[in-house]
Amino acid sequence: MSTHEPLADRVGSPAPPGADSPPWSAVVSGEAQPSAGVESNSEAATLSEACAKVETPAKGEECADGDMRADGDAQPDNGSGRWFSRTFLLCLGACLLVLLLVNTFVVRPFAVPSESMEGTLRPGDRLLVNQLAYDFGSHVRRGDVVVFDGIGSFLPYASEPSAGQRFLAGLGLSSGGDSVYVKRVIGIGGDRVTCCGSDGRIRVNGVPLDESGYLYPGDTPSKVAFDVVVPAGKLWVMGDHRGDSRDSRDHLGEPGGGFVPESKVIGRADWVIFPIGRWTSLDRPAGFAAAEGTGGHGGQR
């Protein structure tokens, strides 16, 4: 018995005649190398991944069209929002400026502080005061309801406000406090005002006034007798609620004699604007027409 291996089973041994098996080298090569189709698929996948990385820009990178893109989305445009904010602020500033100018030079709101003008005005009524009523050569007229600063007349011993306080008050940023009054004009510069005749009525230059249209119900024209001549440039004023009004009558013995300088008049009260149910114009009473042409200044001489 031979112990030698068969020559046909050794590596490199020729195959027996007529055998169909491929050579050993061919078999080994076929097992170690992949096929051409598998290699092509692997290369295609690798190229696809590389292309995807190139085509997708990283976060914050600039794309080909020049727009910045984060996570694949375009950044929102805030230009229109900023434009709207600027426009709104400009409009608001312009409105405030117009309101400030109107309040300073044209009309100003005032609140009625007391009962002295009841019959016409009530405490808490809001008035619109026309500050241009007596500009451009116009004068205060008898029967007008005026708002004035009482320093020097109704408050003869009060000190004048500082320039800064006057400036703020003119802008409507500071109230006049207790120095601002609202009364009705009875006599103007040059008038002689007397009370009371045998009929109990006030007379202006000898002409009796019909005050029934505005006098507080139950009040008499005055319980205080007086006979005054109004100095030029001054006014004699009284409240419509004569029994509850401190007016020119109460300051007869004081410096200034109770007369209000026209220069201290802030304006003419033309409208009651609040409460809504009391919205009305403050027209000049017809009773003062009888005194026109009897003296005084301007067109009332």
Protein backbone atom coordinates (compact mmCIF):
# COMPACT_ATOMS: atom_id res chain seq x y z
CA MET A 1 0.00 0.00 0.00
CA SER A 2 1.40 3.29 -1.02
CA THR A 3 1.24 6.23 1.45
CA HIS A 4 1.76 8.84 -1.29
CA GLU A 5 -1.13 11.27 -2.03
CA PRO A 6 -2.75 10.94 -5.41
CA LEU A 7 -1.23 13.27 -7.90
CA ALA A 8 -4.65 14.46 -8.98
CA ASP A 9 -5.40 15.98 -5.45
CA ARG A 10 -2.22 17.99 -5.19
CA VAL A 11 -2.11 21.74 -5.95
CA GLY A 12 -0.79 22.26 -9.41
CA SER A 13 -1.30 18.70 -10.45
CA PRO A 14 -2.79 18.40 -13.92
CA ALA A 15 -6.36 17.24 -14.17
CA PRO A 16 -6.93 13.86 -15.47
CA PRO A 17 -7.58 13.59 -19.17
CA GLY A 18 -11.20 14.37 -20.09
CA ALA A 19 -12.03 16.24 -16.80
CA ASP A 20 -14.13 19.38 -17.10
CA SER A 21 -13.00 21.11 -13.86
CA PRO A 22 -11.20 24.43 -14.29
CA PRO A 23 -7.67 24.82 -13.15
CA TRP A 24 -7.12 25.55 -9.45
CA SER A 25 -5.88 29.05 -10.15
CA ALA A 26 -9.07 29.84 -11.98
CA VAL A 27 -11.21 28.61 -9.10
CA VAL A 28 -9.25 30.65 -6.52
CA SER A 29 -9.37 33.78 -8.63
CA GLY A 30 -13.13 33.45 -9.09
CA GLU A 31 -13.76 33.15 -5.37
CA ALA A 32 -11.58 36.15 -4.32
CA GLN A 33 -12.65 38.85 -6.90
CA PRO A 34 -16.19 40.33 -7.11
CA SER A 35 -18.08 40.38 -10.29
CA ALA A 36 -18.13 43.40 -12.57
CA GLY A 37 -21.82 44.15 -11.79
CA VAL A 38 -21.31 44.37 -8.03
CA GLU A 39 -18.34 46.72 -8.47
CA SER A 40 -20.37 49.08 -10.68
CA ASN A 41 -23.23 49.33 -8.16
CA SER A 42 -20.84 50.18 -5.30
CA GLU A 43 -19.14 52.92 -7.29
CA ALA A 44 -22.51 54.47 -8.25
CA ALA A 45 -23.64 54.64 -4.62
CA THR A 46 -20.38 56.31 -3.60
CA LEU A 47 -20.69 58.90 -6.37
CA SER A 48 -24.35 59.63 -5.41
CA GLU A 49 -23.38 60.31 -1.80
CA ALA A 50 -20.56 62.63 -2.89
CA CYS A 51 -22.86 64.55 -5.24
CA ALA A 52 -25.48 64.93 -2.53
CA LYS A 53 -22.88 66.44 -0.20
CA VAL A 54 -21.77 68.91 -2.86
CA GLU A 55 -25.31 69.94 -3.94
CA THR A 56 -26.65 70.58 -0.38
CA PRO A 57 -25.04 73.72 1.11
CA ALA A 58 -24.11 73.65 4.73
CA LYS A 59 -26.07 75.75 7.28
CA GLY A 60 -25.34 79.43 6.71
CA GLU A 61 -23.56 78.91 3.34
CA GLU A 62 -24.45 81.02 0.35
CA CYS A 63 -26.31 79.26 -2.42
CA ALA A 64 -25.74 79.73 -6.09
CA ASP A 65 -28.58 82.29 -6.41
CA GLY A 66 -27.00 84.51 -3.74
CA ASP A 67 -29.59 83.85 -0.98
CA MET A 68 -28.55 82.61 2.44
CA ARG A 69 -30.14 79.33 3.41
CA ALA A 70 -30.30 77.72 6.85
CA ASP A 71 -31.40 74.08 7.07
CA GLY A 72 -32.64 74.34 3.50
CA ASP A 73 -35.08 77.30 4.20
CA ALA A 74 -34.73 80.95 3.18
CA GLN A 75 -34.43 83.55 5.93
CA PRO A 76 -37.58 85.75 6.41
CA ASP A 77 -37.42 89.34 5.16
CA ASN A 78 -38.09 91.84 8.04
CA GLY A 79 -37.78 94.97 5.91
CA SER A 80 -41.54 95.53 5.63
CA GLY A 81 -42.00 95.18 9.39
CA ARG A 82 -39.32 97.79 10.12
CA TRP A 83 -40.86 100.16 7.56
CA PHE A 84 -44.29 99.84 9.21
CA SER A 85 -42.83 100.52 12.67
CA ARG A 86 -41.02 103.65 11.48
CA THR A 87 -44.13 104.94 9.70
CA PHE A 88 -46.30 104.33 12.76
CA LEU A 89 -43.89 106.17 15.06
CA LEU A 90 -43.63 109.11 12.65
CA CYS A 91 -47.43 109.39 12.40
CA LEU A 92 -47.79 109.18 16.18
CA GLY A 93 -45.17 111.89 16.69
CA ALA A 94 -46.84 114.15 14.11
CA CYS A 95 -50.24 113.72 15.79
CA LEU A 96 -48.81 114.56 19.21
CA LEU A 97 -47.09 117.64 17.81
CA VAL A 98 -50.31 118.88 16.16
CA LEU A 99 -52.26 118.24 19.37
CA LEU A 100 -49.68 120.16 21.40
CA LEU A 101 -49.77 123.14 19.02
CA VAL A 102 -53.57 123.22 18.98
CA ASN A 103 -53.69 123.00 22.79
CA THR A 104 -51.14 125.81 23.10
CA PHE A 105 -52.46 128.31 20.56
CA VAL A 106 -56.01 127.42 19.48
CA VAL A 107 -58.30 125.61 21.93
CA ARG A 108 -57.72 124.18 25.37
CA PRO A 109 -59.92 122.00 27.58
CA PHE A 110 -60.82 123.11 31.09
CA ALA A 111 -62.87 121.55 33.89
CA VAL A 112 -65.42 123.59 35.84
CA PRO A 113 -64.27 123.45 39.49
CA SER A 114 -67.24 124.81 41.46
CA GLU A 115 -70.94 125.72 41.57
CA SER A 116 -70.39 129.44 40.92
CA MET A 117 -71.61 129.20 37.31
CA GLU A 118 -74.59 126.90 37.93
CA GLY A 119 -77.52 127.82 35.81
CA THR A 120 -75.15 127.51 32.84
CA LEU A 121 -72.28 125.24 33.95
CA ARG A 122 -72.06 122.45 36.47
CA PRO A 123 -69.07 121.24 38.50
CA GLY A 124 -67.09 118.74 36.44
CA ASP A 125 -68.25 120.05 33.05
CA ARG A 126 -65.45 120.02 30.47
CA LEU A 127 -65.16 123.17 28.40
CA LEU A 128 -63.42 123.94 25.13
CA VAL A 129 -61.84 127.39 25.49
CA ASN A 130 -61.18 129.35 22.32
CA GLN A 131 -57.79 131.01 22.81
CA LEU A 132 -57.99 132.91 19.51
CA ALA A 133 -61.36 134.54 20.25
CA TYR A 134 -59.81 137.88 21.22
CA ASP A 135 -56.82 137.91 18.92
CA PHE A 136 -56.49 139.89 15.69
CA GLY A 137 -58.04 143.05 17.15
CA SER A 138 -61.10 141.49 18.80
CA HIS A 139 -62.20 142.43 22.33
CA VAL A 140 -64.05 140.71 25.12
CA ARG A 141 -67.78 141.38 24.88
CA ARG A 142 -70.43 141.69 27.55
CA GLY A 143 -72.09 138.36 28.20
CA ASP A 144 -69.08 136.23 27.21
CA VAL A 145 -68.12 133.34 29.50
CA VAL A 146 -64.37 133.66 29.95
CA VAL A 147 -61.60 131.63 31.59
CA PHE A 148 -58.92 133.80 33.18
CA ASP A 149 -55.94 133.78 35.51
CA GLY A 150 -56.95 135.43 38.78
CA ILE A 151 -53.45 136.32 39.99
CA GLY A 152 -53.40 140.08 40.63
CA SER A 153 -57.21 140.44 40.67
CA PHE A 154 -59.07 137.66 42.48
CA LEU A 155 -55.77 136.66 44.08
CA PRO A 156 -54.22 140.09 44.63
CA TYR A 157 -51.49 138.89 46.97
CA ALA A 158 -50.42 135.80 45.03
CA SER A 159 -47.05 135.84 43.33
CA GLU A 160 -46.75 135.47 39.60
CA PRO A 161 -45.65 132.03 38.36
CA SER A 162 -42.13 131.54 37.09
CA ALA A 163 -41.31 131.66 33.40
CA GLY A 164 -41.01 127.87 33.36
CA GLN A 165 -44.42 127.43 34.96
CA ARG A 166 -46.01 129.85 32.49
CA PHE A 167 -44.39 127.97 29.60
CA LEU A 168 -45.69 124.59 30.82
CA ALA A 169 -49.16 126.05 31.45
CA GLY A 170 -49.16 127.51 27.94
CA LEU A 171 -48.42 124.06 26.54
CA GLY A 172 -51.20 122.56 28.63
CA LEU A 173 -48.68 120.43 30.54
CA SER A 174 -49.39 122.17 33.84
CA SER A 175 -52.77 123.13 35.27
CA GLY A 176 -53.46 126.61 36.55
CA GLY A 177 -54.58 125.12 39.86
CA ASP A 178 -56.56 127.46 42.09
CA SER A 179 -55.66 130.58 40.12
CA VAL A 180 -57.87 129.87 37.09
CA TYR A 181 -61.52 130.98 37.13
CA VAL A 182 -64.53 130.88 34.83
CA LYS A 183 -67.07 133.75 35.03
CA ARG A 184 -69.45 135.78 32.88
CA VAL A 185 -68.45 139.27 31.73
CA ILE A 186 -70.95 141.91 32.88
CA GLY A 187 -69.00 145.11 32.24
CA ILE A 188 -66.07 146.04 29.97
CA GLY A 189 -63.60 148.94 30.07
CA GLY A 190 -65.44 152.27 30.28
CA ASP A 191 -68.75 150.81 31.53
CA ARG A 192 -70.57 151.98 34.64
CA VAL A 193 -72.11 148.95 36.35
CA THR A 194 -74.58 149.46 39.20
CA CYS A 195 -76.79 147.32 41.39
CA CYS A 196 -79.48 147.43 42.12
CA GLY A 197 -82.30 149.71 40.99
CA SER A 198 -85.86 149.73 42.24
CA ASP A 199 -86.55 146.72 40.02
CA GLY A 200 -83.65 144.76 41.54
CA ARG A 201 -81.78 144.49 38.23
CA ILE A 202 -78.16 145.23 37.35
CA ARG A 203 -77.66 148.21 35.06
CA VAL A 204 -74.88 148.77 32.55
CA ASN A 205 -74.57 152.43 31.57
CA GLY A 206 -78.06 152.93 32.87
CA VAL A 207 -79.57 150.06 30.85
CA PRO A 208 -81.15 147.23 32.93
CA LEU A 209 -80.02 143.72 32.01
CA ASP A 210 -82.44 140.87 31.44
CA GLU A 211 -80.61 137.97 33.11
CA SER A 212 -83.49 135.51 33.23
CA GLY A 213 -81.89 133.32 30.54
CA TYR A 214 -78.83 132.31 32.58
CA LEU A 215 -79.30 133.33 36.24
CA TYR A 216 -79.54 130.40 38.66
CA PRO A 217 -83.20 129.75 39.56
CA GLY A 218 -84.16 131.50 42.81
CA ASP A 219 -81.14 133.83 42.81
CA THR A 220 -81.39 137.62 42.76
CA PRO A 221 -79.00 139.59 40.54
CA SER A 222 -77.03 140.59 43.64
CA LYS A 223 -77.52 140.99 47.36
CA VAL A 224 -74.48 143.29 47.44
CA ALA A 225 -74.98 146.86 46.25
CA PHE A 226 -72.23 148.35 44.09
CA ASP A 227 -71.59 151.24 41.73
CA VAL A 228 -68.36 150.94 39.76
CA VAL A 229 -66.75 152.32 36.62
CA VAL A 230 -64.65 149.67 34.90
CA PRO A 231 -61.13 150.94 34.06
CA ALA A 232 -59.89 150.69 30.48
CA GLY A 233 -58.49 147.27 29.71
CA LYS A 234 -60.31 145.69 32.68
CA LEU A 235 -63.45 143.57 33.11
CA TRP A 236 -66.23 143.26 35.70
CA VAL A 237 -67.18 139.57 35.99
CA MET A 238 -69.80 137.65 37.97
CA GLY A 239 -70.93 134.05 38.35
CA ASP A 240 -74.37 132.93 37.16
CA HIS A 241 -75.07 131.40 40.59
CA ARG A 242 -74.94 134.73 42.38
CA GLY A 243 -75.65 133.25 45.79
CA ASP A 244 -72.64 130.89 45.53
CA SER A 245 -70.09 132.88 43.57
CA ARG A 246 -67.04 134.79 44.73
CA ASP A 247 -66.54 137.28 41.92
CA SER A 248 -65.74 140.95 41.31
CA ARG A 249 -68.15 142.02 44.09
CA ASP A 250 -66.10 140.20 46.74
CA HIS A 251 -62.86 142.01 45.89
CA LEU A 252 -64.08 145.62 45.82
CA GLY A 253 -61.88 146.68 48.75
CA GLU A 254 -58.79 144.79 47.66
CA PRO A 255 -55.91 145.84 45.40
CA GLY A 256 -57.21 145.81 41.84
CA GLY A 257 -60.78 146.46 43.02
CA GLY A 258 -62.04 143.13 41.69
CA PHE A 259 -61.43 144.13 38.06
CA VAL A 260 -59.84 141.47 35.82
CA PRO A 261 -57.23 142.64 33.26
CA GLU A 262 -58.07 141.59 29.73
CA SER A 263 -54.46 140.43 29.40
CA LYS A 264 -55.22 137.74 31.98
CA VAL A 265 -58.04 136.24 29.93
CA ILE A 266 -56.99 132.80 28.62
CA GLY A 267 -59.91 132.51 26.24
CA ARG A 268 -63.65 132.37 25.69
CA ALA A 269 -65.53 129.24 26.74
CA ASP A 270 -67.43 128.25 23.58
CA TRP A 271 -68.50 124.65 24.19
CA VAL A 272 -69.44 122.19 26.89
CA ILE A 273 -68.07 118.91 25.53
CA PHE A 274 -68.52 116.55 28.50
CA PRO A 275 -70.61 114.88 29.81
CA ILE A 276 -71.94 113.90 26.40
CA GLY A 277 -75.52 114.57 27.48
CA ARG A 278 -74.61 118.21 28.18
CA TRP A 279 -72.86 118.89 24.89
CA THR A 280 -73.84 122.44 23.98
CA SER A 281 -72.50 125.76 22.71
CA LEU A 282 -72.21 128.71 25.09
CA ASP A 283 -73.84 131.48 23.11
CA ARG A 284 -73.91 135.09 24.20
CA PRO A 285 -77.28 135.84 25.89
CA ALA A 286 -79.63 138.12 23.98
CA GLY A 287 -80.20 140.27 27.09
CA PHE A 288 -76.86 142.03 26.56
CA ALA A 289 -77.92 143.40 23.21
CA ALA A 290 -79.78 146.22 24.99
CA ALA A 291 -76.51 147.60 26.36
CA GLU A 292 -74.74 147.76 23.00
CA GLY A 293 -73.87 151.25 21.83
CA THR A 294 -73.93 152.68 25.34
CA GLY A 295 -70.16 152.81 25.95
CA GLY A 296 -67.22 150.51 26.39
CA HIS A 297 -64.55 149.57 23.90
CA GLY A 298 -64.40 148.32 20.34
CA GLY A 299 -67.64 147.88 18.45
CA GLN A 300 -69.67 148.27 21.65
CA ARG A 301 -69.19 152.04 21.92
